[in-house]
Amino acid sequence: MTKKDYHVVPNGDEWAVKREGGERASSLHSTQREAIDAGRDLAQKNETELVIHRPNGQIRDSDSYGNDPHPPKDTKH
């Protein structure tokens, strides 16, 4: 089973947590902070990535939970 990431995206005057590829929001929130908290809980529970978008839709940040298929390379060791 493919694990799909969760995205925190603007949705009108609200913020939505959406599963990648999904049409409907998993949850709606009045602030981005509330949506990030809800999205983080879902991403941790499902061991996926949380992608946070800016109000203009650009990606602002992302956090991986669980096994990361593309971990950062350690260039110091």
PDB file of N, CA and C in Angstrom:
ATOM      1  N   MET A   1       0.840  -1.175   0.000  1.00  0.00           N
ATOM      2  CA  MET A   1       0.000   0.000   0.000  1.00  0.00           C
ATOM      3  C   MET A   1       0.890   1.245   0.000  1.00  0.00           C
ATOM      4  N   THR A   2       0.621   2.170  -0.874  1.00  0.00           N
ATOM      5  CA  THR A   2       1.375   3.406  -0.953  1.00  0.00           C
ATOM      6  C   THR A   2       0.883   4.369   0.119  1.00  0.00           C
ATOM      7  N   LYS A   3       1.838   4.940   0.826  1.00  0.00           N
ATOM      8  CA  LYS A   3       1.477   5.927   1.846  1.00  0.00           C
ATOM      9  C   LYS A   3       1.447   7.294   1.194  1.00  0.00           C
ATOM     10  N   LYS A   4       0.328   7.977   1.311  1.00  0.00           N
ATOM     11  CA  LYS A   4       0.179   9.296   0.702  1.00  0.00           C
ATOM     12  C   LYS A   4       0.378  10.377   1.748  1.00  0.00           C
ATOM     13  N   ASP A   5       1.074  11.419   1.348  1.00  0.00           N
ATOM     14  CA  ASP A   5       1.379  12.528   2.241  1.00  0.00           C
ATOM     15  C   ASP A   5       0.134  13.354   2.547  1.00  0.00           C
ATOM     16  N   TYR A   6       0.212  14.105   3.641  1.00  0.00           N
ATOM     17  CA  TYR A   6      -0.834  15.061   3.998  1.00  0.00           C
ATOM     18  C   TYR A   6      -0.333  16.464   3.690  1.00  0.00           C
ATOM     19  N   HIS A   7      -1.232  17.318   3.199  1.00  0.00           N
ATOM     20  CA  HIS A   7      -0.897  18.692   2.845  1.00  0.00           C
ATOM     21  C   HIS A   7      -1.789  19.653   3.620  1.00  0.00           C
ATOM     22  N   VAL A   8      -1.194  20.723   4.150  1.00  0.00           N
ATOM     23  CA  VAL A   8      -1.941  21.817   4.776  1.00  0.00           C
ATOM     24  C   VAL A   8      -2.033  22.905   3.718  1.00  0.00           C
ATOM     25  N   VAL A   9      -3.260  23.168   3.245  1.00  0.00           N
ATOM     26  CA  VAL A   9      -3.460  24.088   2.123  1.00  0.00           C
ATOM     27  C   VAL A   9      -4.549  25.114   2.442  1.00  0.00           C
ATOM     28  N   PRO A  10      -4.445  26.307   1.824  1.00  0.00           N
ATOM     29  CA  PRO A  10      -5.516  27.290   2.005  1.00  0.00           C
ATOM     30  C   PRO A  10      -6.786  26.809   1.319  1.00  0.00           C
ATOM     31  N   ASN A  11      -7.935  27.120   1.939  1.00  0.00           N
ATOM     32  CA  ASN A  11      -9.228  26.703   1.398  1.00  0.00           C
ATOM     33  C   ASN A  11     -10.222  27.830   1.682  1.00  0.00           C
ATOM     34  N   GLY A  12     -10.240  28.827   0.796  1.00  0.00           N
ATOM     35  CA  GLY A  12     -11.084  29.994   1.045  1.00  0.00           C
ATOM     36  C   GLY A  12     -10.556  30.758   2.241  1.00  0.00           C
ATOM     37  N   ASP A  13     -11.414  30.982   3.243  1.00  0.00           N
ATOM     38  CA  ASP A  13     -11.003  31.678   4.464  1.00  0.00           C
ATOM     39  C   ASP A  13     -10.486  30.714   5.531  1.00  0.00           C
ATOM     40  N   GLU A  14     -10.391  29.444   5.194  1.00  0.00           N
ATOM     41  CA  GLU A  14      -9.971  28.422   6.152  1.00  0.00           C
ATOM     42  C   GLU A  14      -8.696  27.739   5.664  1.00  0.00           C
ATOM     43  N   TRP A  15      -8.217  26.811   6.477  1.00  0.00           N
ATOM     44  CA  TRP A  15      -7.084  25.966   6.124  1.00  0.00           C
ATOM     45  C   TRP A  15      -7.549  24.520   6.162  1.00  0.00           C
ATOM     46  N   ALA A  16      -7.150  23.753   5.154  1.00  0.00           N
ATOM     47  CA  ALA A  16      -7.567  22.361   5.049  1.00  0.00           C
ATOM     48  C   ALA A  16      -6.369  21.434   5.182  1.00  0.00           C
ATOM     49  N   VAL A  17      -6.627  20.262   5.749  1.00  0.00           N
ATOM     50  CA  VAL A  17      -5.659  19.172   5.732  1.00  0.00           C
ATOM     51  C   VAL A  17      -6.189  18.186   4.707  1.00  0.00           C
ATOM     52  N   LYS A  18      -5.398  17.947   3.651  1.00  0.00           N
ATOM     53  CA  LYS A  18      -5.824  17.054   2.576  1.00  0.00           C
ATOM     54  C   LYS A  18      -4.809  15.945   2.381  1.00  0.00           C
ATOM     55  N   ARG A  19      -5.297  14.769   2.076  1.00  0.00           N
ATOM     56  CA  ARG A  19      -4.431  13.646   1.729  1.00  0.00           C
ATOM     57  C   ARG A  19      -4.043  13.800   0.272  1.00  0.00           C
ATOM     58  N   GLU A  20      -2.797  13.548  -0.048  1.00  0.00           N
ATOM     59  CA  GLU A  20      -2.318  13.685  -1.422  1.00  0.00           C
ATOM     60  C   GLU A  20      -3.180  12.847  -2.365  1.00  0.00           C
ATOM     61  N   GLY A  21      -3.666  13.471  -3.418  1.00  0.00           N
ATOM     62  CA  GLY A  21      -4.507  12.787  -4.392  1.00  0.00           C
ATOM     63  C   GLY A  21      -5.980  12.790  -4.027  1.00  0.00           C
ATOM     64  N   GLY A  22      -6.324  13.239  -2.830  1.00  0.00           N
ATOM     65  CA  GLY A  22      -7.715  13.259  -2.395  1.00  0.00           C
ATOM     66  C   GLY A  22      -8.419  14.531  -2.822  1.00  0.00           C
ATOM     67  N   GLU A  23      -9.714  14.429  -3.032  1.00  0.00           N
ATOM     68  CA  GLU A  23     -10.500  15.597  -3.428  1.00  0.00           C
ATOM     69  C   GLU A  23     -11.056  16.338  -2.213  1.00  0.00           C
ATOM     70  N   ARG A  24     -11.478  15.581  -1.209  1.00  0.00           N
ATOM     71  CA  ARG A  24     -12.079  16.196  -0.025  1.00  0.00           C
ATOM     72  C   ARG A  24     -11.038  16.387   1.060  1.00  0.00           C
ATOM     73  N   ALA A  25     -11.261  17.396   1.882  1.00  0.00           N
ATOM     74  CA  ALA A  25     -10.358  17.664   3.000  1.00  0.00           C
ATOM     75  C   ALA A  25     -10.590  16.657   4.121  1.00  0.00           C
ATOM     76  N   SER A  26      -9.510  16.260   4.768  1.00  0.00           N
ATOM     77  CA  SER A  26      -9.622  15.415   5.959  1.00  0.00           C
ATOM     78  C   SER A  26     -10.188  16.218   7.117  1.00  0.00           C
ATOM     79  N   SER A  27      -9.824  17.519   7.169  1.00  0.00           N
ATOM     80  CA  SER A  27     -10.356  18.409   8.199  1.00  0.00           C
ATOM     81  C   SER A  27     -10.182  19.856   7.761  1.00  0.00           C
ATOM     82  N   LEU A  28     -11.025  20.746   8.315  1.00  0.00           N
ATOM     83  CA  LEU A  28     -10.965  22.184   8.041  1.00  0.00           C
ATOM     84  C   LEU A  28     -10.718  22.928   9.349  1.00  0.00           C
ATOM     85  N   HIS A  29      -9.932  24.026   9.263  1.00  0.00           N
ATOM     86  CA  HIS A  29      -9.546  24.763  10.466  1.00  0.00           C
ATOM     87  C   HIS A  29      -9.553  26.256  10.185  1.00  0.00           C
ATOM     88  N   SER A  30      -9.775  27.043  11.236  1.00  0.00           N
ATOM     89  CA  SER A  30      -9.831  28.497  11.060  1.00  0.00           C
ATOM     90  C   SER A  30      -8.448  29.126  10.966  1.00  0.00           C
ATOM     91  N   THR A  31      -7.413  28.447  11.488  1.00  0.00           N
ATOM     92  CA  THR A  31      -6.052  28.985  11.394  1.00  0.00           C
ATOM     93  C   THR A  31      -5.109  27.937  10.816  1.00  0.00           C
ATOM     94  N   GLN A  32      -4.009  28.429  10.248  1.00  0.00           N
ATOM     95  CA  GLN A  32      -3.006  27.518   9.707  1.00  0.00           C
ATOM     96  C   GLN A  32      -2.386  26.690  10.834  1.00  0.00           C
ATOM     97  N   ARG A  33      -2.164  27.295  11.997  1.00  0.00           N
ATOM     98  CA  ARG A  33      -1.569  26.585  13.135  1.00  0.00           C
ATOM     99  C   ARG A  33      -2.420  25.384  13.536  1.00  0.00           C
ATOM    100  N   GLU A  34      -3.741  25.558  13.600  1.00  0.00           N
ATOM    101  CA  GLU A  34      -4.632  24.445  13.943  1.00  0.00           C
ATOM    102  C   GLU A  34      -4.544  23.346  12.895  1.00  0.00           C
ATOM    103  N   ALA A  35      -4.481  23.736  11.624  1.00  0.00           N
ATOM    104  CA  ALA A  35      -4.390  22.758  10.541  1.00  0.00           C
ATOM    105  C   ALA A  35      -3.058  22.009  10.594  1.00  0.00           C
ATOM    106  N   ILE A  36      -1.980  22.719  10.897  1.00  0.00           N
ATOM    107  CA  ILE A  36      -0.667  22.073  11.002  1.00  0.00           C
ATOM    108  C   ILE A  36      -0.676  21.050  12.135  1.00  0.00           C
ATOM    109  N   ASP A  37      -1.241  21.409  13.271  1.00  0.00           N
ATOM    110  CA  ASP A  37      -1.310  20.484  14.408  1.00  0.00           C
ATOM    111  C   ASP A  37      -2.109  19.232  14.054  1.00  0.00           C
ATOM    112  N   ALA A  38      -3.249  19.418  13.386  1.00  0.00           N
ATOM    113  CA  ALA A  38      -4.080  18.278  12.990  1.00  0.00           C
ATOM    114  C   ALA A  38      -3.367  17.435  11.934  1.00  0.00           C
ATOM    115  N   GLY A  39      -2.736  18.096  10.976  1.00  0.00           N
ATOM    116  CA  GLY A  39      -2.006  17.380   9.929  1.00  0.00           C
ATOM    117  C   GLY A  39      -0.830  16.606  10.487  1.00  0.00           C
ATOM    118  N   ARG A  40      -0.140  17.186  11.468  1.00  0.00           N
ATOM    119  CA  ARG A  40       0.997  16.506  12.097  1.00  0.00           C
ATOM    120  C   ARG A  40       0.532  15.228  12.787  1.00  0.00           C
ATOM    121  N   ASP A  41      -0.597  15.293  13.488  1.00  0.00           N
ATOM    122  CA  ASP A  41      -1.133  14.098  14.147  1.00  0.00           C
ATOM    123  C   ASP A  41      -1.418  12.997  13.133  1.00  0.00           C
ATOM    124  N   LEU A  42      -2.050  13.357  12.009  1.00  0.00           N
ATOM    125  CA  LEU A  42      -2.358  12.374  10.971  1.00  0.00           C
ATOM    126  C   LEU A  42      -1.089  11.810  10.338  1.00  0.00           C
ATOM    127  N   ALA A  43      -0.123  12.673  10.046  1.00  0.00           N
ATOM    128  CA  ALA A  43       1.122  12.229   9.416  1.00  0.00           C
ATOM    129  C   ALA A  43       1.907  11.306  10.348  1.00  0.00           C
ATOM    130  N   GLN A  44       1.941  11.623  11.637  1.00  0.00           N
ATOM    131  CA  GLN A  44       2.641  10.766  12.591  1.00  0.00           C
ATOM    132  C   GLN A  44       1.950   9.421  12.717  1.00  0.00           C
ATOM    133  N   LYS A  45       0.629   9.436  12.792  1.00  0.00           N
ATOM    134  CA  LYS A  45      -0.140   8.205  12.938  1.00  0.00           C
ATOM    135  C   LYS A  45       0.047   7.288  11.728  1.00  0.00           C
ATOM    136  N   ASN A  46       0.147   7.879  10.528  1.00  0.00           N
ATOM    137  CA  ASN A  46       0.263   7.100   9.295  1.00  0.00           C
ATOM    138  C   ASN A  46       1.698   6.997   8.775  1.00  0.00           C
ATOM    139  N   GLU A  47       2.654   7.548   9.533  1.00  0.00           N
ATOM    140  CA  GLU A  47       4.076   7.525   9.170  1.00  0.00           C
ATOM    141  C   GLU A  47       4.304   8.022   7.744  1.00  0.00           C
ATOM    142  N   THR A  48       3.787   9.230   7.475  1.00  0.00           N
ATOM    143  CA  THR A  48       3.933   9.850   6.162  1.00  0.00           C
ATOM    144  C   THR A  48       4.561  11.230   6.322  1.00  0.00           C
ATOM    145  N   GLU A  49       4.522  12.014   5.265  1.00  0.00           N
ATOM    146  CA  GLU A  49       5.083  13.357   5.297  1.00  0.00           C
ATOM    147  C   GLU A  49       3.965  14.388   5.397  1.00  0.00           C
ATOM    148  N   LEU A  50       4.247  15.475   6.103  1.00  0.00           N
ATOM    149  CA  LEU A  50       3.334  16.611   6.180  1.00  0.00           C
ATOM    150  C   LEU A  50       3.947  17.740   5.371  1.00  0.00           C
ATOM    151  N   VAL A  51       3.211  18.231   4.375  1.00  0.00           N
ATOM    152  CA  VAL A  51       3.673  19.317   3.514  1.00  0.00           C
ATOM    153  C   VAL A  51       2.820  20.541   3.826  1.00  0.00           C
ATOM    154  N   ILE A  52       3.473  21.629   4.226  1.00  0.00           N
ATOM    155  CA  ILE A  52       2.772  22.851   4.630  1.00  0.00           C
ATOM    156  C   ILE A  52       2.916  23.887   3.524  1.00  0.00           C
ATOM    157  N   HIS A  53       1.783  24.425   3.078  1.00  0.00           N
ATOM    158  CA  HIS A  53       1.764  25.405   1.995  1.00  0.00           C
ATOM    159  C   HIS A  53       1.532  26.811   2.541  1.00  0.00           C
ATOM    160  N   ARG A  54       1.994  27.802   1.793  1.00  0.00           N
ATOM    161  CA  ARG A  54       1.753  29.217   2.102  1.00  0.00           C
ATOM    162  C   ARG A  54       0.350  29.598   1.605  1.00  0.00           C
ATOM    163  N   PRO A  55      -0.149  30.770   1.988  1.00  0.00           N
ATOM    164  CA  PRO A  55      -1.461  31.206   1.492  1.00  0.00           C
ATOM    165  C   PRO A  55      -1.543  31.269  -0.037  1.00  0.00           C
ATOM    166  N   ASN A  56      -0.405  31.490  -0.716  1.00  0.00           N
ATOM    167  CA  ASN A  56      -0.418  31.539  -2.183  1.00  0.00           C
ATOM    168  C   ASN A  56      -0.265  30.159  -2.815  1.00  0.00           C
ATOM    169  N   GLY A  57      -0.180  29.110  -1.998  1.00  0.00           N
ATOM    170  CA  GLY A  57      -0.100  27.749  -2.505  1.00  0.00           C
ATOM    171  C   GLY A  57       1.306  27.184  -2.592  1.00  0.00           C
ATOM    172  N   GLN A  58       2.333  28.022  -2.486  1.00  0.00           N
ATOM    173  CA  GLN A  58       3.707  27.527  -2.534  1.00  0.00           C
ATOM    174  C   GLN A  58       4.015  26.702  -1.290  1.00  0.00           C
ATOM    175  N   ILE A  59       4.911  25.732  -1.442  1.00  0.00           N
ATOM    176  CA  ILE A  59       5.319  24.918  -0.301  1.00  0.00           C
ATOM    177  C   ILE A  59       6.200  25.749   0.618  1.00  0.00           C
ATOM    178  N   ARG A  60       5.839  25.763   1.887  1.00  0.00           N
ATOM    179  CA  ARG A  60       6.572  26.512   2.908  1.00  0.00           C
ATOM    180  C   ARG A  60       7.542  25.624   3.664  1.00  0.00           C
ATOM    181  N   ASP A  61       7.091  24.392   3.979  1.00  0.00           N
ATOM    182  CA  ASP A  61       7.883  23.500   4.815  1.00  0.00           C
ATOM    183  C   ASP A  61       7.339  22.088   4.679  1.00  0.00           C
ATOM    184  N   SER A  62       8.129  21.113   5.116  1.00  0.00           N
ATOM    185  CA  SER A  62       7.645  19.737   5.166  1.00  0.00           C
ATOM    186  C   SER A  62       8.354  19.005   6.294  1.00  0.00           C
ATOM    187  N   ASP A  63       7.672  18.030   6.854  1.00  0.00           N
ATOM    188  CA  ASP A  63       8.215  17.201   7.927  1.00  0.00           C
ATOM    189  C   ASP A  63       7.890  15.753   7.623  1.00  0.00           C
ATOM    190  N   SER A  64       8.886  14.868   7.780  1.00  0.00           N
ATOM    191  CA  SER A  64       8.686  13.438   7.553  1.00  0.00           C
ATOM    192  C   SER A  64       8.535  12.722   8.884  1.00  0.00           C
ATOM    193  N   TYR A  65       7.638  11.772   8.922  1.00  0.00           N
ATOM    194  CA  TYR A  65       7.413  10.953  10.106  1.00  0.00           C
ATOM    195  C   TYR A  65       7.476   9.499   9.674  1.00  0.00           C
ATOM    196  N   GLY A  66       8.134   8.664  10.454  1.00  0.00           N
ATOM    197  CA  GLY A  66       8.295   7.268  10.070  1.00  0.00           C
ATOM    198  C   GLY A  66       9.563   7.097   9.252  1.00  0.00           C
ATOM    199  N   ASN A  67       9.604   6.067   8.428  1.00  0.00           N
ATOM    200  CA  ASN A  67      10.771   5.783   7.601  1.00  0.00           C
ATOM    201  C   ASN A  67      10.791   6.692   6.393  1.00  0.00           C
ATOM    202  N   ASP A  68      11.834   7.497   6.273  1.00  0.00           N
ATOM    203  CA  ASP A  68      11.981   8.424   5.150  1.00  0.00           C
ATOM    204  C   ASP A  68      12.670   7.693   4.003  1.00  0.00           C
ATOM    205  N   PRO A  69      12.017   7.552   2.837  1.00  0.00           N
ATOM    206  CA  PRO A  69      12.640   6.851   1.715  1.00  0.00           C
ATOM    207  C   PRO A  69      13.811   7.624   1.116  1.00  0.00           C
ATOM    208  N   HIS A  70      13.927   8.895   1.415  1.00  0.00           N
ATOM    209  CA  HIS A  70      15.016   9.727   0.894  1.00  0.00           C
ATOM    210  C   HIS A  70      15.640  10.531   2.036  1.00  0.00           C
ATOM    211  N   PRO A  71      16.350   9.848   2.959  1.00  0.00           N
ATOM    212  CA  PRO A  71      16.924  10.579   4.087  1.00  0.00           C
ATOM    213  C   PRO A  71      18.039  11.511   3.623  1.00  0.00           C
ATOM    214  N   PRO A  72      18.299  12.567   4.383  1.00  0.00           N
ATOM    215  CA  PRO A  72      19.383  13.474   4.005  1.00  0.00           C
ATOM    216  C   PRO A  72      20.727  12.764   4.100  1.00  0.00           C
ATOM    217  N   LYS A  73      21.642  13.142   3.227  1.00  0.00           N
ATOM    218  CA  LYS A  73      22.972  12.534   3.239  1.00  0.00           C
ATOM    219  C   LYS A  73      23.856  13.289   4.220  1.00  0.00           C
ATOM    220  N   ASP A  74      24.569  12.548   5.028  1.00  0.00           N
ATOM    221  CA  ASP A  74      25.491  13.136   5.993  1.00  0.00           C
ATOM    222  C   ASP A  74      26.828  13.346   5.298  1.00  0.00           C
ATOM    223  N   THR A  75      27.169  14.589   5.007  1.00  0.00           N
ATOM    224  CA  THR A  75      28.403  14.877   4.284  1.00  0.00           C
ATOM    225  C   THR A  75      29.600  15.033   5.216  1.00  0.00           C
ATOM    226  N   LYS A  76      29.375  15.044   6.524  1.00  0.00           N
ATOM    227  CA  LYS A  76      30.473  15.220   7.478  1.00  0.00           C
ATOM    228  C   LYS A  76      31.088  13.900   7.918  1.00  0.00           C
ATOM    229  N   HIS A  77      30.374  12.796   7.808  1.00  0.00           N
ATOM    230  CA  HIS A  77      30.887  11.511   8.304  1.00  0.00           C
ATOM    231  C   HIS A  77      30.932  10.487   7.215  1.00  0.00           C
TER     232      HIS A  77
END
